[in-house]
């Protein structure tokens, strides 16, 4: 995120995008519980975790609700920093 531009807090901020605030950390923490010995094993773990998420509606509903809260906080703060308010 650039801090020296006219746009101080871009709309693609990691505070807003579900991939950054939820998906990648969730997958990373899940697949690296044990060492990964090769690329095929890594692909298999990632694919399985994505399939598991797709079949777990409660997790996805929570992500959607969190995204909505983040967008509302962003509006309330006029596009400024809001992570500390969540």
PDB file of N, CA and C in Angstrom:
ATOM      1  N   UNK A   1       0.853  -1.170   0.000  1.00  0.00           N
ATOM      2  CA  UNK A   1       0.000   0.000   0.000  1.00  0.00           C
ATOM      3  C   UNK A   1       0.894   1.226   0.000  1.00  0.00           C
ATOM      4  N   UNK A   2       0.690   2.077  -0.964  1.00  0.00           N
ATOM      5  CA  UNK A   2       1.479   3.295  -1.056  1.00  0.00           C
ATOM      6  C   UNK A   2       0.979   4.319  -0.052  1.00  0.00           C
ATOM      7  N   UNK A   3       1.904   4.941   0.639  1.00  0.00           N
ATOM      8  CA  UNK A   3       1.529   5.975   1.609  1.00  0.00           C
ATOM      9  C   UNK A   3       1.929   7.363   1.107  1.00  0.00           C
ATOM     10  N   UNK A   4       2.471   7.432  -0.110  1.00  0.00           N
ATOM     11  CA  UNK A   4       2.939   8.713  -0.633  1.00  0.00           C
ATOM     12  C   UNK A   4       2.211   9.117  -1.904  1.00  0.00           C
ATOM     13  N   UNK A   5       0.934   8.784  -1.976  1.00  0.00           N
ATOM     14  CA  UNK A   5       0.151   9.132  -3.156  1.00  0.00           C
ATOM     15  C   UNK A   5      -1.088   9.899  -2.731  1.00  0.00           C
ATOM     16  N   UNK A   6      -1.830  10.370  -3.726  1.00  0.00           N
ATOM     17  CA  UNK A   6      -3.072  11.097  -3.442  1.00  0.00           C
ATOM     18  C   UNK A   6      -4.127  10.176  -2.822  1.00  0.00           C
ATOM     19  N   UNK A   7      -4.048   8.893  -3.146  1.00  0.00           N
ATOM     20  CA  UNK A   7      -4.982   7.919  -2.584  1.00  0.00           C
ATOM     21  C   UNK A   7      -4.291   7.259  -1.405  1.00  0.00           C
ATOM     22  N   UNK A   8      -4.653   7.675  -0.193  1.00  0.00           N
ATOM     23  CA  UNK A   8      -3.966   7.196   0.993  1.00  0.00           C
ATOM     24  C   UNK A   8      -4.347   5.782   1.396  1.00  0.00           C
ATOM     25  N   UNK A   9      -5.550   5.351   1.070  1.00  0.00           N
ATOM     26  CA  UNK A   9      -5.991   4.025   1.483  1.00  0.00           C
ATOM     27  C   UNK A   9      -6.775   3.408   0.328  1.00  0.00           C
ATOM     28  N   UNK A  10      -6.114   2.696  -0.563  1.00  0.00           N
ATOM     29  CA  UNK A  10      -6.765   2.209  -1.780  1.00  0.00           C
ATOM     30  C   UNK A  10      -7.900   1.227  -1.515  1.00  0.00           C
ATOM     31  N   UNK A  11      -8.828   1.166  -2.448  1.00  0.00           N
ATOM     32  CA  UNK A  11      -9.998   0.298  -2.296  1.00  0.00           C
ATOM     33  C   UNK A  11      -9.634  -1.178  -2.280  1.00  0.00           C
ATOM     34  N   UNK A  12      -8.473  -1.535  -2.753  1.00  0.00           N
ATOM     35  CA  UNK A  12      -8.050  -2.937  -2.736  1.00  0.00           C
ATOM     36  C   UNK A  12      -7.197  -3.246  -1.515  1.00  0.00           C
ATOM     37  N   UNK A  13      -7.421  -2.527  -0.480  1.00  0.00           N
ATOM     38  CA  UNK A  13      -6.700  -2.722   0.767  1.00  0.00           C
ATOM     39  C   UNK A  13      -6.923  -4.124   1.305  1.00  0.00           C
ATOM     40  N   UNK A  14      -5.900  -4.701   1.913  1.00  0.00           N
ATOM     41  CA  UNK A  14      -6.051  -6.052   2.469  1.00  0.00           C
ATOM     42  C   UNK A  14      -7.003  -6.074   3.659  1.00  0.00           C
ATOM     43  N   UNK A  15      -7.357  -4.922   4.194  1.00  0.00           N
ATOM     44  CA  UNK A  15      -8.365  -4.888   5.250  1.00  0.00           C
ATOM     45  C   UNK A  15      -9.753  -5.183   4.691  1.00  0.00           C
ATOM     46  N   UNK A  16      -9.907  -5.038   3.401  1.00  0.00           N
ATOM     47  CA  UNK A  16     -11.223  -5.219   2.793  1.00  0.00           C
ATOM     48  C   UNK A  16     -11.371  -6.537   2.044  1.00  0.00           C
ATOM     49  N   UNK A  17     -10.371  -6.981   1.347  1.00  0.00           N
ATOM     50  CA  UNK A  17     -10.541  -8.132   0.473  1.00  0.00           C
ATOM     51  C   UNK A  17     -10.535  -9.447   1.240  1.00  0.00           C
ATOM     52  N   UNK A  18     -11.588 -10.242   1.094  1.00  0.00           N
ATOM     53  CA  UNK A  18     -11.670 -11.510   1.816  1.00  0.00           C
ATOM     54  C   UNK A  18     -10.509 -12.459   1.530  1.00  0.00           C
ATOM     55  N   UNK A  19      -9.954 -12.390   0.326  1.00  0.00           N
ATOM     56  CA  UNK A  19      -8.822 -13.275   0.025  1.00  0.00           C
ATOM     57  C   UNK A  19      -7.646 -12.966   0.930  1.00  0.00           C
ATOM     58  N   UNK A  20      -7.419 -11.701   1.184  1.00  0.00           N
ATOM     59  CA  UNK A  20      -6.264 -11.317   1.988  1.00  0.00           C
ATOM     60  C   UNK A  20      -6.512 -11.433   3.481  1.00  0.00           C
ATOM     61  N   UNK A  21      -7.680 -11.026   3.966  1.00  0.00           N
ATOM     62  CA  UNK A  21      -7.878 -11.047   5.407  1.00  0.00           C
ATOM     63  C   UNK A  21      -8.341 -12.408   5.909  1.00  0.00           C
ATOM     64  N   UNK A  22      -8.839 -13.272   5.017  1.00  0.00           N
ATOM     65  CA  UNK A  22      -9.287 -14.578   5.492  1.00  0.00           C
ATOM     66  C   UNK A  22      -8.683 -15.746   4.726  1.00  0.00           C
ATOM     67  N   UNK A  23      -8.903 -15.807   3.420  1.00  0.00           N
ATOM     68  CA  UNK A  23      -8.618 -17.028   2.664  1.00  0.00           C
ATOM     69  C   UNK A  23      -7.161 -17.459   2.733  1.00  0.00           C
ATOM     70  N   UNK A  24      -6.248 -16.580   2.353  1.00  0.00           N
ATOM     71  CA  UNK A  24      -4.840 -16.997   2.318  1.00  0.00           C
ATOM     72  C   UNK A  24      -4.302 -17.344   3.704  1.00  0.00           C
ATOM     73  N   UNK A  25      -4.562 -16.532   4.746  1.00  0.00           N
ATOM     74  CA  UNK A  25      -4.086 -16.945   6.075  1.00  0.00           C
ATOM     75  C   UNK A  25      -4.706 -18.268   6.541  1.00  0.00           C
ATOM     76  N   UNK A  26      -5.983 -18.462   6.257  1.00  0.00           N
ATOM     77  CA  UNK A  26      -6.659 -19.697   6.667  1.00  0.00           C
ATOM     78  C   UNK A  26      -6.028 -20.909   5.994  1.00  0.00           C
ATOM     79  N   UNK A  27      -5.831 -20.819   4.696  1.00  0.00           N
ATOM     80  CA  UNK A  27      -5.236 -21.931   3.958  1.00  0.00           C
ATOM     81  C   UNK A  27      -3.796 -22.158   4.406  1.00  0.00           C
ATOM     82  N   UNK A  28      -3.040 -21.097   4.494  1.00  0.00           N
ATOM     83  CA  UNK A  28      -1.634 -21.219   4.886  1.00  0.00           C
ATOM     84  C   UNK A  28      -1.498 -21.879   6.256  1.00  0.00           C
ATOM     85  N   UNK A  29      -2.278 -21.422   7.222  1.00  0.00           N
ATOM     86  CA  UNK A  29      -2.203 -21.995   8.564  1.00  0.00           C
ATOM     87  C   UNK A  29      -2.675 -23.440   8.595  1.00  0.00           C
ATOM     88  N   UNK A  30      -3.581 -23.795   7.703  1.00  0.00           N
ATOM     89  CA  UNK A  30      -4.101 -25.162   7.667  1.00  0.00           C
ATOM     90  C   UNK A  30      -3.149 -26.136   6.983  1.00  0.00           C
ATOM     91  N   UNK A  31      -2.540 -25.720   5.886  1.00  0.00           N
ATOM     92  CA  UNK A  31      -1.736 -26.680   5.114  1.00  0.00           C
ATOM     93  C   UNK A  31      -0.313 -26.826   5.638  1.00  0.00           C
ATOM     94  N   UNK A  32       0.158 -25.859   6.392  1.00  0.00           N
ATOM     95  CA  UNK A  32       1.524 -25.949   6.896  1.00  0.00           C
ATOM     96  C   UNK A  32       1.596 -26.440   8.338  1.00  0.00           C
ATOM     97  N   UNK A  33       0.577 -27.165   8.787  1.00  0.00           N
ATOM     98  CA  UNK A  33       0.641 -27.733  10.134  1.00  0.00           C
ATOM     99  C   UNK A  33       1.729 -28.797  10.214  1.00  0.00           C
ATOM    100  N   UNK A  34       1.996 -29.440   9.081  1.00  0.00           N
ATOM    101  CA  UNK A  34       3.129 -30.363   8.960  1.00  0.00           C
ATOM    102  C   UNK A  34       3.925 -29.966   7.730  1.00  0.00           C
ATOM    103  N   UNK A  35       5.205 -30.303   7.682  1.00  0.00           N
ATOM    104  CA  UNK A  35       6.024 -29.908   6.530  1.00  0.00           C
ATOM    105  C   UNK A  35       5.493 -30.463   5.208  1.00  0.00           C
ATOM    106  N   UNK A  36       5.627 -29.666   4.168  1.00  0.00           N
ATOM    107  CA  UNK A  36       5.229 -30.072   2.818  1.00  0.00           C
ATOM    108  C   UNK A  36       6.497 -30.565   2.122  1.00  0.00           C
ATOM    109  N   UNK A  37       6.463 -31.805   1.628  1.00  0.00           N
ATOM    110  CA  UNK A  37       7.677 -32.389   1.071  1.00  0.00           C
ATOM    111  C   UNK A  37       7.844 -32.214  -0.433  1.00  0.00           C
ATOM    112  N   UNK A  38       6.751 -31.863  -1.144  1.00  0.00           N
ATOM    113  CA  UNK A  38       6.885 -31.637  -2.589  1.00  0.00           C
ATOM    114  C   UNK A  38       5.718 -30.799  -3.105  1.00  0.00           C
ATOM    115  N   UNK A  39       5.847 -30.334  -4.324  1.00  0.00           N
ATOM    116  CA  UNK A  39       4.844 -29.449  -4.917  1.00  0.00           C
ATOM    117  C   UNK A  39       3.496 -30.139  -5.090  1.00  0.00           C
ATOM    118  N   UNK A  40       3.509 -31.402  -5.479  1.00  0.00           N
ATOM    119  CA  UNK A  40       2.254 -32.132  -5.667  1.00  0.00           C
ATOM    120  C   UNK A  40       1.481 -32.242  -4.345  1.00  0.00           C
ATOM    121  N   UNK A  41       2.189 -32.495  -3.274  1.00  0.00           N
ATOM    122  CA  UNK A  41       1.560 -32.559  -1.955  1.00  0.00           C
ATOM    123  C   UNK A  41       0.963 -31.200  -1.588  1.00  0.00           C
ATOM    124  N   UNK A  42       1.673 -30.125  -1.871  1.00  0.00           N
ATOM    125  CA  UNK A  42       1.176 -28.773  -1.605  1.00  0.00           C
ATOM    126  C   UNK A  42      -0.099 -28.501  -2.388  1.00  0.00           C
ATOM    127  N   UNK A  43      -0.097 -28.824  -3.662  1.00  0.00           N
ATOM    128  CA  UNK A  43      -1.300 -28.635  -4.492  1.00  0.00           C
ATOM    129  C   UNK A  43      -2.477 -29.432  -3.941  1.00  0.00           C
ATOM    130  N   UNK A  44      -2.213 -30.654  -3.554  1.00  0.00           N
ATOM    131  CA  UNK A  44      -3.261 -31.518  -3.009  1.00  0.00           C
ATOM    132  C   UNK A  44      -3.854 -30.917  -1.735  1.00  0.00           C
ATOM    133  N   UNK A  45      -3.012 -30.435  -0.849  1.00  0.00           N
ATOM    134  CA  UNK A  45      -3.491 -29.836   0.398  1.00  0.00           C
ATOM    135  C   UNK A  45      -4.327 -28.583   0.140  1.00  0.00           C
ATOM    136  N   UNK A  46      -3.860 -27.738  -0.770  1.00  0.00           N
ATOM    137  CA  UNK A  46      -4.595 -26.509  -1.089  1.00  0.00           C
ATOM    138  C   UNK A  46      -5.955 -26.852  -1.690  1.00  0.00           C
ATOM    139  N   UNK A  47      -5.975 -27.763  -2.636  1.00  0.00           N
ATOM    140  CA  UNK A  47      -7.225 -28.176  -3.280  1.00  0.00           C
ATOM    141  C   UNK A  47      -8.198 -28.749  -2.259  1.00  0.00           C
ATOM    142  N   UNK A  48      -7.710 -29.604  -1.384  1.00  0.00           N
ATOM    143  CA  UNK A  48      -8.583 -30.189  -0.358  1.00  0.00           C
ATOM    144  C   UNK A  48      -9.147 -29.129   0.578  1.00  0.00           C
ATOM    145  N   UNK A  49      -8.332 -28.166   0.951  1.00  0.00           N
ATOM    146  CA  UNK A  49      -8.790 -27.121   1.873  1.00  0.00           C
ATOM    147  C   UNK A  49      -9.843 -26.240   1.204  1.00  0.00           C
ATOM    148  N   UNK A  50      -9.666 -25.918  -0.071  1.00  0.00           N
ATOM    149  CA  UNK A  50     -10.662 -25.134  -0.804  1.00  0.00           C
ATOM    150  C   UNK A  50     -11.975 -25.906  -0.910  1.00  0.00           C
ATOM    151  N   UNK A  51     -11.898 -27.197  -1.218  1.00  0.00           N
ATOM    152  CA  UNK A  51     -13.110 -28.017  -1.296  1.00  0.00           C
ATOM    153  C   UNK A  51     -13.807 -28.077   0.060  1.00  0.00           C
ATOM    154  N   UNK A  52     -13.025 -28.195   1.119  1.00  0.00           N
ATOM    155  CA  UNK A  52     -13.591 -28.203   2.467  1.00  0.00           C
ATOM    156  C   UNK A  52     -14.320 -26.894   2.762  1.00  0.00           C
ATOM    157  N   UNK A  53     -13.726 -25.793   2.383  1.00  0.00           N
ATOM    158  CA  UNK A  53     -14.368 -24.486   2.583  1.00  0.00           C
ATOM    159  C   UNK A  53     -15.663 -24.376   1.801  1.00  0.00           C
ATOM    160  N   UNK A  54     -15.649 -24.849   0.581  1.00  0.00           N
ATOM    161  CA  UNK A  54     -16.853 -24.782  -0.255  1.00  0.00           C
ATOM    162  C   UNK A  54     -18.003 -25.582   0.328  1.00  0.00           C
ATOM    163  N   UNK A  55     -17.683 -26.567   1.156  1.00  0.00           N
ATOM    164  CA  UNK A  55     -18.710 -27.408   1.757  1.00  0.00           C
ATOM    165  C   UNK A  55     -19.050 -26.995   3.193  1.00  0.00           C
ATOM    166  N   UNK A  56     -18.498 -25.881   3.634  1.00  0.00           N
ATOM    167  CA  UNK A  56     -18.726 -25.409   4.998  1.00  0.00           C
ATOM    168  C   UNK A  56     -19.351 -24.018   4.936  1.00  0.00           C
ATOM    169  N   UNK A  57     -20.661 -23.984   4.843  1.00  0.00           N
ATOM    170  CA  UNK A  57     -21.364 -22.724   4.639  1.00  0.00           C
ATOM    171  C   UNK A  57     -21.205 -21.749   5.797  1.00  0.00           C
ATOM    172  N   UNK A  58     -21.092 -22.236   7.018  1.00  0.00           N
ATOM    173  CA  UNK A  58     -20.955 -21.327   8.160  1.00  0.00           C
ATOM    174  C   UNK A  58     -19.687 -20.488   8.065  1.00  0.00           C
ATOM    175  N   UNK A  59     -18.607 -21.093   7.630  1.00  0.00           N
ATOM    176  CA  UNK A  59     -17.355 -20.340   7.485  1.00  0.00           C
ATOM    177  C   UNK A  59     -17.522 -19.264   6.425  1.00  0.00           C
ATOM    178  N   UNK A  60     -18.118 -19.632   5.293  1.00  0.00           N
ATOM    179  CA  UNK A  60     -18.289 -18.659   4.206  1.00  0.00           C
ATOM    180  C   UNK A  60     -19.252 -17.541   4.606  1.00  0.00           C
ATOM    181  N   UNK A  61     -20.275 -17.846   5.365  1.00  0.00           N
ATOM    182  CA  UNK A  61     -21.193 -16.807   5.845  1.00  0.00           C
ATOM    183  C   UNK A  61     -20.464 -15.837   6.768  1.00  0.00           C
ATOM    184  N   UNK A  62     -19.610 -16.366   7.621  1.00  0.00           N
ATOM    185  CA  UNK A  62     -18.826 -15.508   8.509  1.00  0.00           C
ATOM    186  C   UNK A  62     -17.899 -14.591   7.727  1.00  0.00           C
ATOM    187  N   UNK A  63     -17.313 -15.104   6.656  1.00  0.00           N
ATOM    188  CA  UNK A  63     -16.430 -14.283   5.822  1.00  0.00           C
ATOM    189  C   UNK A  63     -17.223 -13.156   5.166  1.00  0.00           C
ATOM    190  N   UNK A  64     -18.400 -13.476   4.659  1.00  0.00           N
ATOM    191  CA  UNK A  64     -19.247 -12.455   4.025  1.00  0.00           C
ATOM    192  C   UNK A  64     -19.648 -11.394   5.040  1.00  0.00           C
ATOM    193  N   UNK A  65     -20.041 -11.817   6.231  1.00  0.00           N
ATOM    194  CA  UNK A  65     -20.424 -10.851   7.271  1.00  0.00           C
ATOM    195  C   UNK A  65     -19.245  -9.986   7.686  1.00  0.00           C
ATOM    196  N   UNK A  66     -18.073 -10.572   7.783  1.00  0.00           N
ATOM    197  CA  UNK A  66     -16.880  -9.801   8.132  1.00  0.00           C
ATOM    198  C   UNK A  66     -16.562  -8.786   7.038  1.00  0.00           C
ATOM    199  N   UNK A  67     -16.725  -9.193   5.791  1.00  0.00           N
ATOM    200  CA  UNK A  67     -16.482  -8.280   4.668  1.00  0.00           C
ATOM    201  C   UNK A  67     -17.435  -7.085   4.747  1.00  0.00           C
ATOM    202  N   UNK A  68     -18.696  -7.351   5.031  1.00  0.00           N
ATOM    203  CA  UNK A  68     -19.681  -6.275   5.153  1.00  0.00           C
ATOM    204  C   UNK A  68     -19.304  -5.310   6.275  1.00  0.00           C
ATOM    205  N   UNK A  69     -18.889  -5.863   7.433  1.00  0.00           N
ATOM    206  CA  UNK A  69     -18.466  -5.005   8.554  1.00  0.00           C
ATOM    207  C   UNK A  69     -17.285  -4.134   8.158  1.00  0.00           C
ATOM    208  N   UNK A  70     -16.339  -4.711   7.438  1.00  0.00           N
ATOM    209  CA  UNK A  70     -15.145  -3.960   7.030  1.00  0.00           C
ATOM    210  C   UNK A  70     -15.488  -2.838   6.060  1.00  0.00           C
ATOM    211  N   UNK A  71     -16.376  -3.119   5.127  1.00  0.00           N
ATOM    212  CA  UNK A  71     -16.781  -2.088   4.170  1.00  0.00           C
ATOM    213  C   UNK A  71     -17.493  -0.949   4.895  1.00  0.00           C
ATOM    214  N   UNK A  72     -18.396  -1.280   5.816  1.00  0.00           N
ATOM    215  CA  UNK A  72     -19.103  -0.244   6.572  1.00  0.00           C
ATOM    216  C   UNK A  72     -18.138   0.598   7.404  1.00  0.00           C
ATOM    217  N   UNK A  73     -17.160  -0.047   8.050  1.00  0.00           N
ATOM    218  CA  UNK A  73     -16.159   0.699   8.829  1.00  0.00           C
ATOM    219  C   UNK A  73     -15.337   1.608   7.924  1.00  0.00           C
ATOM    220  N   UNK A  74     -15.021   1.123   6.743  1.00  0.00           N
ATOM    221  CA  UNK A  74     -14.260   1.939   5.788  1.00  0.00           C
ATOM    222  C   UNK A  74     -15.052   3.199   5.433  1.00  0.00           C
ATOM    223  N   UNK A  75     -16.347   3.037   5.180  1.00  0.00           N
ATOM    224  CA  UNK A  75     -17.198   4.200   4.891  1.00  0.00           C
ATOM    225  C   UNK A  75     -17.270   5.139   6.091  1.00  0.00           C
ATOM    226  N   UNK A  76     -17.457   4.564   7.279  1.00  0.00           N
ATOM    227  CA  UNK A  76     -17.575   5.377   8.490  1.00  0.00           C
ATOM    228  C   UNK A  76     -16.307   6.179   8.755  1.00  0.00           C
ATOM    229  N   UNK A  77     -15.173   5.634   8.398  1.00  0.00           N
ATOM    230  CA  UNK A  77     -13.901   6.305   8.632  1.00  0.00           C
ATOM    231  C   UNK A  77     -13.462   7.139   7.427  1.00  0.00           C
ATOM    232  N   UNK A  78     -14.349   7.310   6.467  1.00  0.00           N
ATOM    233  CA  UNK A  78     -14.044   8.131   5.299  1.00  0.00           C
ATOM    234  C   UNK A  78     -12.895   7.587   4.473  1.00  0.00           C
ATOM    235  N   UNK A  79     -12.764   6.266   4.455  1.00  0.00           N
ATOM    236  CA  UNK A  79     -11.688   5.634   3.685  1.00  0.00           C
ATOM    237  C   UNK A  79     -10.377   5.560   4.438  1.00  0.00           C
ATOM    238  N   UNK A  80     -10.341   6.031   5.673  1.00  0.00           N
ATOM    239  CA  UNK A  80      -9.110   6.010   6.466  1.00  0.00           C
ATOM    240  C   UNK A  80      -8.889   4.667   7.141  1.00  0.00           C
ATOM    241  N   UNK A  81      -7.876   4.605   7.968  1.00  0.00           N
ATOM    242  CA  UNK A  81      -7.549   3.380   8.693  1.00  0.00           C
ATOM    243  C   UNK A  81      -8.686   2.995   9.632  1.00  0.00           C
ATOM    244  N   UNK A  82      -9.028   1.716   9.628  1.00  0.00           N
ATOM    245  CA  UNK A  82     -10.122   1.266  10.483  1.00  0.00           C
ATOM    246  C   UNK A  82      -9.860  -0.091  11.098  1.00  0.00           C
ATOM    247  N   UNK A  83      -8.785  -0.748  10.749  1.00  0.00           N
ATOM    248  CA  UNK A  83      -8.499  -2.092  11.245  1.00  0.00           C
ATOM    249  C   UNK A  83      -8.551  -2.147  12.778  1.00  0.00           C
ATOM    250  N   UNK A  84      -8.075  -1.121  13.429  1.00  0.00           N
ATOM    251  CA  UNK A  84      -8.067  -1.097  14.891  1.00  0.00           C
ATOM    252  C   UNK A  84      -9.469  -1.003  15.489  1.00  0.00           C
ATOM    253  N   UNK A  85     -10.468  -0.720  14.664  1.00  0.00           N
ATOM    254  CA  UNK A  85     -11.850  -0.586  15.138  1.00  0.00           C
ATOM    255  C   UNK A  85     -12.646  -1.867  15.018  1.00  0.00           C
ATOM    256  N   UNK A  86     -12.080  -2.876  14.395  1.00  0.00           N
ATOM    257  CA  UNK A  86     -12.827  -4.132  14.163  1.00  0.00           C
ATOM    258  C   UNK A  86     -12.773  -5.043  15.366  1.00  0.00           C
TER     259      UNK A  86
END
